[in-house]
């Protein structure tokens, strides 16, 4: 029974360490172009989804 308790504690600590390393934001840079690959200038509304 003690081995199970120790295993649970070790697992909980390990998972909390993994969760702490997950970033809250994703930084991404790219280029906005038209169909002919010409860069676009100005303001545009963009929707991202995963």
C-alpha atoms as a PDB file:
ATOM      1  CA  UNK A   1       0.000   0.000   0.000  1.00  0.00           C
ATOM      2  CA  UNK A   2       2.903   2.375   0.777  1.00  0.00           C
ATOM      3  CA  UNK A   3       4.379   1.757  -2.672  1.00  0.00           C
ATOM      4  CA  UNK A   4       1.133   2.875  -4.318  1.00  0.00           C
ATOM      5  CA  UNK A   5       1.056   6.079  -2.249  1.00  0.00           C
ATOM      6  CA  UNK A   6       4.665   6.883  -3.123  1.00  0.00           C
ATOM      7  CA  UNK A   7       3.988   6.171  -6.787  1.00  0.00           C
ATOM      8  CA  UNK A   8       0.962   8.476  -6.769  1.00  0.00           C
ATOM      9  CA  UNK A   9       2.957  11.286  -5.143  1.00  0.00           C
ATOM     10  CA  UNK A  10       5.837  10.891  -7.623  1.00  0.00           C
ATOM     11  CA  UNK A  11       3.403  10.830 -10.540  1.00  0.00           C
ATOM     12  CA  UNK A  12       1.568  13.927  -9.287  1.00  0.00           C
ATOM     13  CA  UNK A  13       4.822  15.864  -8.876  1.00  0.00           C
ATOM     14  CA  UNK A  14       6.010  14.784 -12.333  1.00  0.00           C
ATOM     15  CA  UNK A  15       2.756  15.820 -13.988  1.00  0.00           C
ATOM     16  CA  UNK A  16       2.752  19.187 -12.229  1.00  0.00           C
ATOM     17  CA  UNK A  17       6.272  19.830 -13.551  1.00  0.00           C
ATOM     18  CA  UNK A  18       5.164  18.996 -17.092  1.00  0.00           C
ATOM     19  CA  UNK A  19       2.102  21.231 -16.800  1.00  0.00           C
ATOM     20  CA  UNK A  20       4.257  24.107 -15.544  1.00  0.00           C
ATOM     21  CA  UNK A  21       6.351  24.001 -18.746  1.00  0.00           C
ATOM     22  CA  UNK A  22       3.392  24.426 -21.126  1.00  0.00           C
ATOM     23  CA  UNK A  23       3.404  27.967 -22.569  1.00  0.00           C
ATOM     24  CA  UNK A  24       0.243  30.062 -22.285  1.00  0.00           C
ATOM     25  CA  UNK A  25       0.867  31.806 -25.607  1.00  0.00           C
ATOM     26  CA  UNK A  26       1.983  30.697 -29.042  1.00  0.00           C
ATOM     27  CA  UNK A  27       4.150  33.225 -30.870  1.00  0.00           C
ATOM     28  CA  UNK A  28       3.978  32.971 -34.657  1.00  0.00           C
ATOM     29  CA  UNK A  29       5.220  35.264 -37.404  1.00  0.00           C
ATOM     30  CA  UNK A  30       4.356  35.010 -41.064  1.00  0.00           C
ATOM     31  CA  UNK A  31       3.671  36.948 -44.243  1.00  0.00           C
ATOM     32  CA  UNK A  32       0.273  37.948 -45.539  1.00  0.00           C
ATOM     33  CA  UNK A  33       0.186  37.716 -49.335  1.00  0.00           C
ATOM     34  CA  UNK A  34      -2.356  37.731 -52.130  1.00  0.00           C
ATOM     35  CA  UNK A  35      -2.892  34.854 -54.596  1.00  0.00           C
ATOM     36  CA  UNK A  36       0.162  35.976 -56.603  1.00  0.00           C
ATOM     37  CA  UNK A  37       2.422  35.945 -53.509  1.00  0.00           C
ATOM     38  CA  UNK A  38       2.577  39.775 -53.427  1.00  0.00           C
ATOM     39  CA  UNK A  39       2.805  41.135 -49.867  1.00  0.00           C
ATOM     40  CA  UNK A  40      -0.322  42.859 -48.579  1.00  0.00           C
ATOM     41  CA  UNK A  41      -0.234  46.148 -46.687  1.00  0.00           C
ATOM     42  CA  UNK A  42      -2.898  47.513 -44.373  1.00  0.00           C
ATOM     43  CA  UNK A  43      -5.244  46.152 -41.725  1.00  0.00           C
ATOM     44  CA  UNK A  44      -6.985  42.800 -42.133  1.00  0.00           C
ATOM     45  CA  UNK A  45      -9.206  40.699 -39.904  1.00  0.00           C
ATOM     46  CA  UNK A  46      -7.883  37.151 -39.528  1.00  0.00           C
ATOM     47  CA  UNK A  47      -9.453  34.224 -37.683  1.00  0.00           C
ATOM     48  CA  UNK A  48      -7.304  31.313 -36.490  1.00  0.00           C
ATOM     49  CA  UNK A  49      -8.604  28.009 -35.282  1.00  0.00           C
ATOM     50  CA  UNK A  50      -7.081  24.752 -34.195  1.00  0.00           C
END
